[in-house]
C-alpha cells in the first residue's frame, strides 16, 4: 500500500524478496552488471525488501546488502517486511560488525509498524474459496 501510494504520487517503487535480490546481486557480479544493478537500486524512490530474515546471511550477502543500504541511506526510502521479530535480525545477519552497520542504516530513523492478526493470504483465500457445501 505504501509503494502503491508512492507510485500514485509520481515516485518509483521496486518490490523484491530479499533472497532473490541477494541472488541477483551475486549473478550480477559474475556477468559484470553489479555496478549497474547497484546504481539502479540506488535510484528507486521506494525499495521494498520482502521476507527479511528467512535465511541467515553469508559474508557475500552481508557485504552486498550493506552496499545497497549505504547507497540509499538518507536519500531514498527502504521498506523491509518480516515475520521475524526485529530483535532477532542481528542474529540472522551474522557478523556483529556488519550487522551493526546494516541495521544502523535500516532501522535508525525508521518507522516501525507491527501488525497483528491473521495473514492477508489466509483471509483472501477464504474469500476466493469456490467449494460448495451440500
Protein backbone atom coordinates (compact mmCIF):
# COMPACT_ATOMS: atom_id res chain seq x y z
CA UNK A 1 0.00 0.00 0.00
CA UNK A 2 2.86 2.41 0.79
CA UNK A 3 4.56 1.70 -2.54
CA UNK A 4 1.24 2.00 -4.38
CA UNK A 5 0.64 5.41 -2.82
CA UNK A 6 4.19 6.48 -3.70
CA UNK A 7 3.62 5.48 -7.33
CA UNK A 8 0.35 7.41 -7.44
CA UNK A 9 2.31 10.42 -6.19
CA UNK A 10 4.80 10.07 -9.06
CA UNK A 11 7.59 8.20 -7.28
CA UNK A 12 9.21 4.97 -8.40
CA UNK A 13 8.97 1.74 -6.43
CA UNK A 14 10.56 -1.69 -6.69
CA UNK A 15 9.44 -4.81 -4.81
CA UNK A 16 11.78 -7.77 -4.37
CA UNK A 17 12.13 -10.67 -1.98
CA UNK A 18 15.44 -10.29 -0.15
CA UNK A 19 16.61 -13.78 -1.09
CA UNK A 20 16.00 -13.04 -4.77
CA UNK A 21 17.79 -9.68 -4.57
CA UNK A 22 20.83 -11.29 -2.98
CA UNK A 23 20.87 -13.94 -5.73
CA UNK A 24 20.56 -11.23 -8.42
CA UNK A 25 23.46 -9.30 -6.89
CA UNK A 26 25.63 -12.42 -6.87
CA UNK A 27 24.83 -13.16 -10.52
CA UNK A 28 25.44 -9.52 -11.46
CA UNK A 29 28.99 -9.80 -10.13
CA UNK A 30 29.61 -12.69 -12.48
CA UNK A 31 28.27 -11.03 -15.60
CA UNK A 32 29.74 -7.57 -14.99
CA UNK A 33 26.41 -5.91 -14.16
CA UNK A 34 26.96 -5.43 -10.40
CA UNK A 35 27.69 -1.68 -10.51
CA UNK A 36 24.74 -1.10 -12.84
CA UNK A 37 22.36 -3.07 -10.59
CA UNK A 38 23.55 -1.15 -7.52
CA UNK A 39 23.06 2.15 -9.37
CA UNK A 40 19.54 1.15 -10.43
CA UNK A 41 18.62 0.15 -6.88
CA UNK A 42 20.01 3.45 -5.56
CA UNK A 43 17.74 5.42 -7.91
CA UNK A 44 14.44 3.78 -6.92
CA UNK A 45 12.45 6.07 -4.63
CA UNK A 46 10.89 3.22 -2.60
CA UNK A 47 12.61 -0.17 -2.35
CA UNK A 48 10.61 -2.94 -0.67
CA UNK A 49 12.69 -5.83 0.69
CA UNK A 50 10.19 -8.57 1.45
CA UNK A 51 10.68 -11.65 3.62
CA UNK A 52 13.59 -10.21 5.60
CA UNK A 53 15.19 -12.86 7.80
CA UNK A 54 14.10 -16.05 6.04
CA UNK A 55 17.71 -17.17 5.81
CA UNK A 56 20.96 -16.44 7.58
CA UNK A 57 23.18 -14.21 5.50
CA UNK A 58 26.64 -15.31 4.41
CA UNK A 59 29.62 -12.96 4.12
CA UNK A 60 28.87 -12.05 0.49
CA UNK A 61 25.19 -11.38 1.28
CA UNK A 62 26.13 -9.09 4.18
CA UNK A 63 28.53 -7.05 2.06
CA UNK A 64 26.04 -6.75 -0.81
CA UNK A 65 23.19 -5.74 1.47
CA UNK A 66 25.38 -3.11 3.13
CA UNK A 67 26.25 -1.69 -0.31
CA UNK A 68 22.57 -1.42 -1.27
CA UNK A 69 21.57 0.21 2.02
CA UNK A 70 24.58 2.54 2.09
CA UNK A 71 23.73 3.87 -1.38
CA UNK A 72 20.13 4.55 -0.28
CA UNK A 73 20.69 5.77 3.30
CA UNK A 74 19.40 9.29 3.79
CA UNK A 75 18.44 9.58 0.12
CA UNK A 76 15.66 7.12 -0.63
CA UNK A 77 13.07 5.07 1.28
CA UNK A 78 13.58 1.40 2.03
CA UNK A 79 10.84 -0.82 3.43
CA UNK A 80 11.72 -4.17 5.00
CA UNK A 81 8.96 -6.65 5.76
CA UNK A 82 9.50 -9.62 8.02
CA UNK A 83 7.71 -12.16 10.13
CA UNK A 84 10.84 -12.35 12.27
CA UNK A 85 10.86 -10.03 15.31
CA UNK A 86 13.27 -7.14 14.87
CA UNK A 87 15.26 -8.14 17.96
CA UNK A 88 16.34 -11.30 16.06
CA UNK A 89 17.53 -9.53 12.90
CA UNK A 90 21.07 -9.07 14.24
CA UNK A 91 21.50 -12.84 14.62
CA UNK A 92 20.17 -13.56 11.12
CA UNK A 93 22.60 -11.09 9.58
CA UNK A 94 25.52 -12.74 11.33
CA UNK A 95 28.83 -10.89 11.66
CA UNK A 96 28.33 -8.42 14.51
CA UNK A 97 30.20 -5.52 12.91
CA UNK A 98 28.37 -5.76 9.58
CA UNK A 99 25.05 -6.43 11.32
CA UNK A 100 25.50 -3.19 13.29
CA UNK A 101 26.30 -1.29 10.09
CA UNK A 102 23.36 -2.76 8.17
CA UNK A 103 20.83 -2.22 10.94
CA UNK A 104 22.18 1.27 11.60
CA UNK A 105 21.27 2.22 8.03
CA UNK A 106 17.95 0.39 8.01
CA UNK A 107 16.44 0.68 11.48
CA UNK A 108 17.56 4.04 12.87
CA UNK A 109 15.18 6.84 11.86
CA UNK A 110 12.73 4.16 10.69
CA UNK A 111 9.02 3.95 11.28
CA UNK A 112 8.17 0.55 12.70
CA UNK A 113 4.76 -0.98 12.11
CA UNK A 114 3.92 -4.18 13.98
CA UNK A 115 0.91 -5.95 12.51
CA UNK A 116 -1.29 -8.38 14.41
CA UNK A 117 -3.90 -10.85 13.30
CA UNK A 118 -4.25 -13.34 10.51
CA UNK A 119 -2.23 -13.25 7.34
CA UNK A 120 -3.89 -11.43 4.44
CA UNK A 121 -3.20 -14.51 2.32
CA UNK A 122 -5.35 -16.61 4.66
CA UNK A 123 -8.11 -14.00 4.64
CA UNK A 124 -8.05 -13.70 0.84
CA UNK A 125 -8.10 -17.47 0.36
CA UNK A 126 -11.35 -17.65 2.34
CA UNK A 127 -12.85 -15.04 0.03
CA UNK A 128 -11.88 -16.95 -3.10
CA UNK A 129 -12.75 -20.44 -1.89
CA UNK A 130 -15.11 -21.91 -4.51
CA UNK A 131 -16.01 -25.12 -2.73
CA UNK A 132 -19.74 -25.64 -2.42
CA UNK A 133 -21.44 -27.09 0.59
CA UNK A 134 -24.32 -29.57 0.42
